[in-house]
Amino acid sequence: MFKGVAAHRGNMSIFPENTMPAFASAVDLKCEYIELDIQFTKDAQIVVTHDASAKRVAGLDVVIANSTYKELCELDFGKVFRETQNKTIQEIPYQKLPLLSDVFELIKNTETSVSIQPKCDGIIKSVFKLAQQHAVVNQIAFNELNCEYLIEARRISNTVSLFWDRLPNTDFENDVYIGKEFNFTALMFVWQALNPEKIKKLQAHGIDVGAIVINDAAAMHEYLNLNIKRFYTDYPELLISILKNR
């Protein structure tokens, strides 16, 4: 298992984001995490997709929260990827919108965990319940910009890993305070916002720090040299090849 490698929305450089082939590829690569996004459908199914609408990935402006899972299964969530990458239907077949339960079954009994980004309120308790049903409670984590979601998860579990995604303009000292107060596992900064001084300060506070979303080989080398050990990336194969050769 390649510790610290989180395949952002699966191996989305090769397969459509947040689809089962992208997730299966990340498992095959032995990534530590698959990072994915979840929300409720109209009939309270937990589905894996990033946007409120299916338009960017499926080509139709269908609102996830206003649609039943059956209705969403009529859409092809590989359509836009196939068109933009000039792939044939044989190369990238029709992609059904995954349920989170599908992903839980995929990772069960593997070394890969999932880092889950909630895209709606009231979903975190349902995730824990579903994880218990599929016997993968020890393979779930959460990541999010909104710390309230992470705090909710921490109140449910003292042991679940929590990754707080931070943007360049956030209050650094406040980030450190909240991260320590709620025992977040790591603060994950947009990689362009990181610098050696900030990294040293975080490490001096005993806070694990990571980089998101990092796709450039030179930047990967640079931050590995600065003792960054966690990365979200669209190119997990590239990062793994670098790790193998260090």
C-alpha atoms as a PDB file:
ATOM      1  CA  MET A   1       0.000   0.000   0.000  1.00  0.00           C
ATOM      2  CA  PHE A   2       1.312   3.455  -0.930  1.00  0.00           C
ATOM      3  CA  LYS A   3       0.772   5.452   2.236  1.00  0.00           C
ATOM      4  CA  GLY A   4      -0.192   9.086   1.749  1.00  0.00           C
ATOM      5  CA  VAL A   5      -1.469   8.649  -1.815  1.00  0.00           C
ATOM      6  CA  ALA A   6      -5.122   9.669  -2.200  1.00  0.00           C
ATOM      7  CA  ALA A   7      -6.538   9.188  -5.689  1.00  0.00           C
ATOM      8  CA  HIS A   8      -8.679  12.298  -6.162  1.00  0.00           C
ATOM      9  CA  ARG A   9     -12.123  11.122  -7.309  1.00  0.00           C
ATOM     10  CA  GLY A  10     -10.394   7.858  -8.157  1.00  0.00           C
ATOM     11  CA  ASN A  11      -7.785   7.507 -10.878  1.00  0.00           C
ATOM     12  CA  MET A  12      -9.500  10.267 -12.854  1.00  0.00           C
ATOM     13  CA  SER A  13      -6.618  10.808 -15.263  1.00  0.00           C
ATOM     14  CA  ILE A  14      -7.427   7.450 -16.866  1.00  0.00           C
ATOM     15  CA  PHE A  15     -11.134   6.930 -16.117  1.00  0.00           C
ATOM     16  CA  PRO A  16     -14.154   9.211 -15.602  1.00  0.00           C
ATOM     17  CA  GLU A  17     -14.087  10.794 -12.161  1.00  0.00           C
ATOM     18  CA  ASN A  18     -16.112   9.249  -9.340  1.00  0.00           C
ATOM     19  CA  THR A  19     -16.895   6.085 -11.298  1.00  0.00           C
ATOM     20  CA  MET A  20     -16.290   2.467 -10.385  1.00  0.00           C
ATOM     21  CA  PRO A  21     -13.467   1.949 -12.943  1.00  0.00           C
ATOM     22  CA  ALA A  22     -11.650   4.990 -11.483  1.00  0.00           C
ATOM     23  CA  PHE A  23     -12.050   3.555  -7.989  1.00  0.00           C
ATOM     24  CA  ALA A  24     -11.066   0.024  -8.994  1.00  0.00           C
ATOM     25  CA  SER A  25      -7.917   1.386 -10.629  1.00  0.00           C
ATOM     26  CA  ALA A  26      -6.974   3.177  -7.386  1.00  0.00           C
ATOM     27  CA  VAL A  27      -7.426  -0.078  -5.467  1.00  0.00           C
ATOM     28  CA  ASP A  28      -5.288  -1.932  -8.011  1.00  0.00           C
ATOM     29  CA  LEU A  29      -2.585   0.725  -7.623  1.00  0.00           C
ATOM     30  CA  LYS A  30      -2.717   0.172  -3.840  1.00  0.00           C
ATOM     31  CA  CYS A  31      -3.426   3.820  -3.052  1.00  0.00           C
ATOM     32  CA  GLU A  32      -3.955   4.423   0.651  1.00  0.00           C
ATOM     33  CA  TYR A  33      -7.133   6.378  -0.093  1.00  0.00           C
ATOM     34  CA  ILE A  34      -9.741   6.935  -2.720  1.00  0.00           C
ATOM     35  CA  GLU A  35     -11.016  10.495  -2.298  1.00  0.00           C
ATOM     36  CA  LEU A  36     -14.654  10.826  -3.354  1.00  0.00           C
ATOM     37  CA  ASP A  37     -17.741  13.035  -3.017  1.00  0.00           C
ATOM     38  CA  ILE A  38     -21.190  12.057  -1.785  1.00  0.00           C
ATOM     39  CA  GLN A  39     -24.715  13.433  -1.669  1.00  0.00           C
ATOM     40  CA  PHE A  40     -28.295  12.280  -1.233  1.00  0.00           C
ATOM     41  CA  THR A  41     -30.696  11.589  -4.061  1.00  0.00           C
ATOM     42  CA  LYS A  42     -34.376  12.504  -3.815  1.00  0.00           C
ATOM     43  CA  ASP A  43     -35.093   9.001  -2.464  1.00  0.00           C
ATOM     44  CA  ALA A  44     -32.285   9.244   0.140  1.00  0.00           C
ATOM     45  CA  GLN A  45     -29.751   7.043  -1.617  1.00  0.00           C
ATOM     46  CA  ILE A  46     -26.106   8.007  -1.018  1.00  0.00           C
ATOM     47  CA  VAL A  47     -24.492   8.465  -4.417  1.00  0.00           C
ATOM     48  CA  VAL A  48     -20.937   9.328  -5.402  1.00  0.00           C
ATOM     49  CA  THR A  49     -20.657  12.474  -7.481  1.00  0.00           C
ATOM     50  CA  HIS A  50     -19.181  15.939  -6.983  1.00  0.00           C
ATOM     51  CA  ASP A  51     -21.518  18.524  -8.503  1.00  0.00           C
ATOM     52  CA  ALA A  52     -25.104  19.378  -7.614  1.00  0.00           C
ATOM     53  CA  SER A  53     -25.952  18.764 -11.280  1.00  0.00           C
ATOM     54  CA  ALA A  54     -24.951  15.912 -13.582  1.00  0.00           C
ATOM     55  CA  LYS A  55     -24.247  18.290 -16.488  1.00  0.00           C
ATOM     56  CA  ARG A  56     -20.441  18.528 -16.233  1.00  0.00           C
ATOM     57  CA  VAL A  57     -19.912  14.757 -16.288  1.00  0.00           C
ATOM     58  CA  ALA A  58     -23.073  13.335 -17.885  1.00  0.00           C
ATOM     59  CA  GLY A  59     -23.953  16.192 -20.241  1.00  0.00           C
ATOM     60  CA  LEU A  60     -27.487  16.790 -18.917  1.00  0.00           C
ATOM     61  CA  ASP A  61     -28.489  19.413 -16.367  1.00  0.00           C
ATOM     62  CA  VAL A  62     -30.167  17.014 -13.964  1.00  0.00           C
ATOM     63  CA  VAL A  63     -30.077  17.998 -10.286  1.00  0.00           C
ATOM     64  CA  ILE A  64     -28.954  15.077  -8.127  1.00  0.00           C
ATOM     65  CA  ALA A  65     -30.989  16.031  -5.056  1.00  0.00           C
ATOM     66  CA  ASN A  66     -34.178  16.401  -7.118  1.00  0.00           C
ATOM     67  CA  SER A  67     -33.841  13.009  -8.830  1.00  0.00           C
ATOM     68  CA  THR A  68     -34.390   9.433  -7.723  1.00  0.00           C
ATOM     69  CA  TYR A  69     -31.556   6.966  -8.041  1.00  0.00           C
ATOM     70  CA  LYS A  70     -33.512   5.099 -10.716  1.00  0.00           C
ATOM     71  CA  GLU A  71     -33.802   8.298 -12.750  1.00  0.00           C
ATOM     72  CA  LEU A  72     -30.080   9.015 -12.361  1.00  0.00           C
ATOM     73  CA  CYS A  73     -29.219   5.509 -13.535  1.00  0.00           C
ATOM     74  CA  GLU A  74     -30.559   6.505 -16.950  1.00  0.00           C
ATOM     75  CA  LEU A  75     -27.631   8.936 -17.341  1.00  0.00           C
ATOM     76  CA  ASP A  76     -24.153   8.080 -18.593  1.00  0.00           C
ATOM     77  CA  PHE A  77     -21.618   9.485 -16.112  1.00  0.00           C
ATOM     78  CA  GLY A  78     -18.778   8.703 -18.514  1.00  0.00           C
ATOM     79  CA  LYS A  79     -20.231  10.661 -21.424  1.00  0.00           C
ATOM     80  CA  VAL A  80     -18.319  13.953 -21.154  1.00  0.00           C
ATOM     81  CA  PHE A  81     -15.018  12.230 -20.290  1.00  0.00           C
ATOM     82  CA  ARG A  82     -15.381   9.976 -23.337  1.00  0.00           C
ATOM     83  CA  GLU A  83     -16.102  12.948 -25.609  1.00  0.00           C
ATOM     84  CA  THR A  84     -13.351  15.231 -24.286  1.00  0.00           C
ATOM     85  CA  GLN A  85     -10.745  12.444 -24.298  1.00  0.00           C
ATOM     86  CA  ASN A  86     -11.775  11.182 -27.759  1.00  0.00           C
ATOM     87  CA  LYS A  87     -12.487   7.706 -26.422  1.00  0.00           C
ATOM     88  CA  THR A  88     -14.819   5.162 -27.961  1.00  0.00           C
ATOM     89  CA  ILE A  89     -17.734   3.523 -26.179  1.00  0.00           C
ATOM     90  CA  GLN A  90     -15.646   0.332 -26.197  1.00  0.00           C
ATOM     91  CA  GLU A  91     -12.790   2.092 -24.412  1.00  0.00           C
ATOM     92  CA  ILE A  92     -15.001   3.945 -21.921  1.00  0.00           C
ATOM     93  CA  PRO A  93     -18.351   2.179 -21.651  1.00  0.00           C
ATOM     94  CA  TYR A  94     -21.538   3.652 -20.212  1.00  0.00           C
ATOM     95  CA  GLN A  95     -20.921   4.582 -16.582  1.00  0.00           C
ATOM     96  CA  LYS A  96     -23.677   4.183 -14.031  1.00  0.00           C
ATOM     97  CA  LEU A  97     -23.711   6.575 -11.077  1.00  0.00           C
ATOM     98  CA  PRO A  98     -22.128   4.651  -8.164  1.00  0.00           C
ATOM     99  CA  LEU A  99     -23.758   4.197  -4.796  1.00  0.00           C
ATOM    100  CA  LEU A 100     -21.465   4.625  -1.818  1.00  0.00           C
ATOM    101  CA  SER A 101     -22.379   1.055  -0.900  1.00  0.00           C
ATOM    102  CA  ASP A 102     -20.846  -0.083  -4.225  1.00  0.00           C
ATOM    103  CA  VAL A 103     -17.559   1.547  -3.254  1.00  0.00           C
ATOM    104  CA  PHE A 104     -17.678   0.008   0.222  1.00  0.00           C
ATOM    105  CA  GLU A 105     -18.026  -3.438  -1.332  1.00  0.00           C
ATOM    106  CA  LEU A 106     -15.099  -2.678  -3.659  1.00  0.00           C
ATOM    107  CA  ILE A 107     -12.708  -1.734  -0.847  1.00  0.00           C
ATOM    108  CA  LYS A 108     -13.769  -4.424   1.610  1.00  0.00           C
ATOM    109  CA  ASN A 109     -10.821  -6.698   2.457  1.00  0.00           C
ATOM    110  CA  THR A 110      -8.358  -4.463   0.593  1.00  0.00           C
ATOM    111  CA  GLU A 111      -5.644  -2.106   1.887  1.00  0.00           C
ATOM    112  CA  THR A 112      -7.395   0.927   0.373  1.00  0.00           C
ATOM    113  CA  SER A 113      -9.653   3.220   2.392  1.00  0.00           C
ATOM    114  CA  VAL A 114     -12.011   5.992   1.286  1.00  0.00           C
ATOM    115  CA  SER A 115     -11.776   9.667   2.191  1.00  0.00           C
ATOM    116  CA  ILE A 116     -15.325  10.946   1.873  1.00  0.00           C
ATOM    117  CA  GLN A 117     -16.260  14.552   1.115  1.00  0.00           C
ATOM    118  CA  PRO A 118     -19.885  15.279   2.129  1.00  0.00           C
ATOM    119  CA  LYS A 119     -21.708  17.573  -0.272  1.00  0.00           C
ATOM    120  CA  CYS A 120     -24.913  18.013   1.745  1.00  0.00           C
ATOM    121  CA  ASP A 121     -26.113  18.320   5.325  1.00  0.00           C
ATOM    122  CA  GLY A 122     -27.312  15.379   7.387  1.00  0.00           C
ATOM    123  CA  ILE A 123     -25.384  12.690   5.544  1.00  0.00           C
ATOM    124  CA  ILE A 124     -22.542  11.825   7.918  1.00  0.00           C
ATOM    125  CA  LYS A 125     -24.547   9.655  10.337  1.00  0.00           C
ATOM    126  CA  SER A 126     -25.877   7.731   7.357  1.00  0.00           C
ATOM    127  CA  VAL A 127     -22.318   7.115   6.148  1.00  0.00           C
ATOM    128  CA  PHE A 128     -21.306   5.588   9.490  1.00  0.00           C
ATOM    129  CA  LYS A 129     -24.430   3.404   9.501  1.00  0.00           C
ATOM    130  CA  LEU A 130     -23.736   2.222   5.946  1.00  0.00           C
ATOM    131  CA  ALA A 131     -20.074   1.560   6.766  1.00  0.00           C
ATOM    132  CA  GLN A 132     -21.126  -0.614   9.703  1.00  0.00           C
ATOM    133  CA  GLN A 133     -23.493  -2.567   7.478  1.00  0.00           C
ATOM    134  CA  HIS A 134     -20.679  -3.259   5.003  1.00  0.00           C
ATOM    135  CA  ALA A 135     -18.045  -3.906   7.692  1.00  0.00           C
ATOM    136  CA  VAL A 136     -15.714  -1.128   6.493  1.00  0.00           C
ATOM    137  CA  VAL A 137     -15.883   1.274   9.453  1.00  0.00           C
ATOM    138  CA  ASN A 138     -12.100   1.100   9.799  1.00  0.00           C
ATOM    139  CA  GLN A 139     -11.696   2.027   6.123  1.00  0.00           C
ATOM    140  CA  ILE A 140     -13.528   5.351   6.092  1.00  0.00           C
ATOM    141  CA  ALA A 141     -12.248   8.890   6.596  1.00  0.00           C
ATOM    142  CA  PHE A 142     -13.667  12.335   5.844  1.00  0.00           C
ATOM    143  CA  ASN A 143     -12.274  15.417   4.126  1.00  0.00           C
ATOM    144  CA  GLU A 144     -13.965  18.763   3.661  1.00  0.00           C
ATOM    145  CA  LEU A 145     -13.502  22.548   3.591  1.00  0.00           C
ATOM    146  CA  ASN A 146     -16.339  23.038   6.084  1.00  0.00           C
ATOM    147  CA  CYS A 147     -14.956  22.025   9.461  1.00  0.00           C
ATOM    148  CA  GLU A 148     -18.483  21.604  10.867  1.00  0.00           C
ATOM    149  CA  TYR A 149     -18.849  18.386   8.870  1.00  0.00           C
ATOM    150  CA  LEU A 150     -15.568  17.098  10.283  1.00  0.00           C
ATOM    151  CA  ILE A 151     -16.518  18.094  13.825  1.00  0.00           C
ATOM    152  CA  GLU A 152     -19.791  16.186  13.409  1.00  0.00           C
ATOM    153  CA  ALA A 153     -17.817  13.111  12.353  1.00  0.00           C
ATOM    154  CA  ARG A 154     -15.426  13.521  15.285  1.00  0.00           C
ATOM    155  CA  ARG A 155     -18.357  13.611  17.708  1.00  0.00           C
ATOM    156  CA  ILE A 156     -19.507  10.282  16.307  1.00  0.00           C
ATOM    157  CA  SER A 157     -16.065   8.672  16.334  1.00  0.00           C
ATOM    158  CA  ASN A 158     -12.901   9.464  18.275  1.00  0.00           C
ATOM    159  CA  THR A 159     -10.801   7.407  15.880  1.00  0.00           C
ATOM    160  CA  VAL A 160     -11.988   8.228  12.348  1.00  0.00           C
ATOM    161  CA  SER A 161      -9.371  10.054  10.266  1.00  0.00           C
ATOM    162  CA  LEU A 162     -10.324  13.640   9.381  1.00  0.00           C
ATOM    163  CA  PHE A 163      -8.598  15.738   6.730  1.00  0.00           C
ATOM    164  CA  TRP A 164      -9.384  19.460   6.709  1.00  0.00           C
ATOM    165  CA  ASP A 165      -9.053  20.947   3.225  1.00  0.00           C
ATOM    166  CA  ARG A 166      -7.667  24.498   3.376  1.00  0.00           C
ATOM    167  CA  LEU A 167      -7.567  27.268   0.782  1.00  0.00           C
ATOM    168  CA  PRO A 168      -4.813  29.879   0.307  1.00  0.00           C
ATOM    169  CA  ASN A 169      -6.718  32.710   2.025  1.00  0.00           C
ATOM    170  CA  THR A 170      -7.699  30.928   5.261  1.00  0.00           C
ATOM    171  CA  ASP A 171      -6.604  32.183   8.697  1.00  0.00           C
ATOM    172  CA  PHE A 172      -3.511  30.098   9.392  1.00  0.00           C
ATOM    173  CA  GLU A 173      -3.474  30.523  13.178  1.00  0.00           C
ATOM    174  CA  ASN A 174      -7.189  29.738  13.411  1.00  0.00           C
ATOM    175  CA  ASP A 175      -6.654  26.660  11.233  1.00  0.00           C
ATOM    176  CA  VAL A 176      -3.994  25.426  13.651  1.00  0.00           C
ATOM    177  CA  TYR A 177      -6.221  26.070  16.678  1.00  0.00           C
ATOM    178  CA  ILE A 178      -9.251  24.240  15.261  1.00  0.00           C
ATOM    179  CA  GLY A 179      -7.131  21.378  13.918  1.00  0.00           C
ATOM    180  CA  LYS A 180      -5.652  20.742  17.359  1.00  0.00           C
ATOM    181  CA  GLU A 181      -8.918  21.354  19.265  1.00  0.00           C
ATOM    182  CA  PHE A 182     -10.805  18.670  17.334  1.00  0.00           C
ATOM    183  CA  ASN A 183      -7.883  16.345  16.746  1.00  0.00           C
ATOM    184  CA  PHE A 184      -8.013  16.499  12.972  1.00  0.00           C
ATOM    185  CA  THR A 185      -5.655  13.987  11.379  1.00  0.00           C
ATOM    186  CA  ALA A 186      -4.147  16.471   8.943  1.00  0.00           C
ATOM    187  CA  LEU A 187      -4.582  19.894   7.402  1.00  0.00           C
ATOM    188  CA  MET A 188      -4.615  19.524   3.630  1.00  0.00           C
ATOM    189  CA  PHE A 189      -3.569  22.742   1.868  1.00  0.00           C
ATOM    190  CA  VAL A 190      -3.987  23.666  -1.776  1.00  0.00           C
ATOM    191  CA  TRP A 191      -0.415  22.908  -2.784  1.00  0.00           C
ATOM    192  CA  GLN A 192       0.361  26.360  -4.193  1.00  0.00           C
ATOM    193  CA  ALA A 193      -0.405  27.828  -0.733  1.00  0.00           C
ATOM    194  CA  LEU A 194       2.267  25.791   1.017  1.00  0.00           C
ATOM    195  CA  ASN A 195       5.771  27.052   1.706  1.00  0.00           C
ATOM    196  CA  PRO A 196       8.652  25.804   3.872  1.00  0.00           C
ATOM    197  CA  GLU A 197       7.904  28.296   6.672  1.00  0.00           C
ATOM    198  CA  LYS A 198       4.240  27.268   6.930  1.00  0.00           C
ATOM    199  CA  ILE A 199       5.131  23.587   6.799  1.00  0.00           C
ATOM    200  CA  LYS A 200       7.687  23.976   9.619  1.00  0.00           C
ATOM    201  CA  LYS A 201       5.133  25.835  11.772  1.00  0.00           C
ATOM    202  CA  LEU A 202       2.537  23.104  11.296  1.00  0.00           C
ATOM    203  CA  GLN A 203       5.031  20.370  12.030  1.00  0.00           C
ATOM    204  CA  ALA A 204       6.228  22.261  15.138  1.00  0.00           C
ATOM    205  CA  HIS A 205       2.634  22.165  16.378  1.00  0.00           C
ATOM    206  CA  GLY A 206       2.601  18.408  15.812  1.00  0.00           C
ATOM    207  CA  ILE A 207       0.090  18.756  12.978  1.00  0.00           C
ATOM    208  CA  ASP A 208       0.302  16.489   9.952  1.00  0.00           C
ATOM    209  CA  VAL A 209       0.145  18.447   6.695  1.00  0.00           C
ATOM    210  CA  GLY A 210      -0.720  17.468   3.153  1.00  0.00           C
ATOM    211  CA  ALA A 211      -0.998  18.936  -0.363  1.00  0.00           C
ATOM    212  CA  ILE A 212      -4.077  19.107  -2.623  1.00  0.00           C
ATOM    213  CA  VAL A 213      -4.636  18.607  -5.611  1.00  0.00           C
ATOM    214  CA  ILE A 214      -1.080  18.078  -6.821  1.00  0.00           C
ATOM    215  CA  ASN A 215      -0.506  16.806 -10.367  1.00  0.00           C
ATOM    216  CA  ASP A 216       2.906  18.189 -11.272  1.00  0.00           C
ATOM    217  CA  ALA A 217       5.933  15.878 -10.932  1.00  0.00           C
ATOM    218  CA  ALA A 218       8.347  18.676  -9.964  1.00  0.00           C
ATOM    219  CA  ALA A 219       5.971  19.869  -7.255  1.00  0.00           C
ATOM    220  CA  MET A 220       5.581  16.322  -5.972  1.00  0.00           C
ATOM    221  CA  HIS A 221       9.364  16.019  -5.627  1.00  0.00           C
ATOM    222  CA  GLU A 222       9.586  19.446  -3.958  1.00  0.00           C
ATOM    223  CA  TYR A 223       7.002  18.688  -1.290  1.00  0.00           C
ATOM    224  CA  LEU A 224       8.297  15.199  -0.637  1.00  0.00           C
ATOM    225  CA  ASN A 225      11.665  16.847   0.067  1.00  0.00           C
ATOM    226  CA  LEU A 226       9.859  19.111   2.564  1.00  0.00           C
ATOM    227  CA  ASN A 227       8.585  16.011   4.376  1.00  0.00           C
ATOM    228  CA  ILE A 228       5.005  16.266   3.106  1.00  0.00           C
ATOM    229  CA  LYS A 229       3.599  12.762   3.265  1.00  0.00           C
ATOM    230  CA  ARG A 230      -0.026  13.156   2.156  1.00  0.00           C
ATOM    231  CA  PHE A 231      -1.220  14.088  -1.320  1.00  0.00           C
ATOM    232  CA  TYR A 232      -4.497  14.245  -3.202  1.00  0.00           C
ATOM    233  CA  THR A 233      -3.743  13.761  -6.877  1.00  0.00           C
ATOM    234  CA  ASP A 234      -5.511  13.132 -10.167  1.00  0.00           C
ATOM    235  CA  TYR A 235      -2.374  11.225 -11.243  1.00  0.00           C
ATOM    236  CA  PRO A 236      -1.769   8.549  -8.614  1.00  0.00           C
ATOM    237  CA  GLU A 237       0.357   6.467 -10.987  1.00  0.00           C
ATOM    238  CA  LEU A 238       2.764   9.398 -11.423  1.00  0.00           C
ATOM    239  CA  LEU A 239       3.081   9.943  -7.673  1.00  0.00           C
ATOM    240  CA  ILE A 240       3.550   6.226  -7.018  1.00  0.00           C
ATOM    241  CA  SER A 241       6.294   6.008  -9.645  1.00  0.00           C
ATOM    242  CA  ILE A 242       8.092   8.901  -7.911  1.00  0.00           C
ATOM    243  CA  LEU A 243       7.722   7.243  -4.507  1.00  0.00           C
ATOM    244  CA  LYS A 244       9.092   3.968  -5.876  1.00  0.00           C
ATOM    245  CA  ASN A 245      12.228   5.700  -7.113  1.00  0.00           C
ATOM    246  CA  ARG A 246      13.039   7.707  -4.000  1.00  0.00           C
END
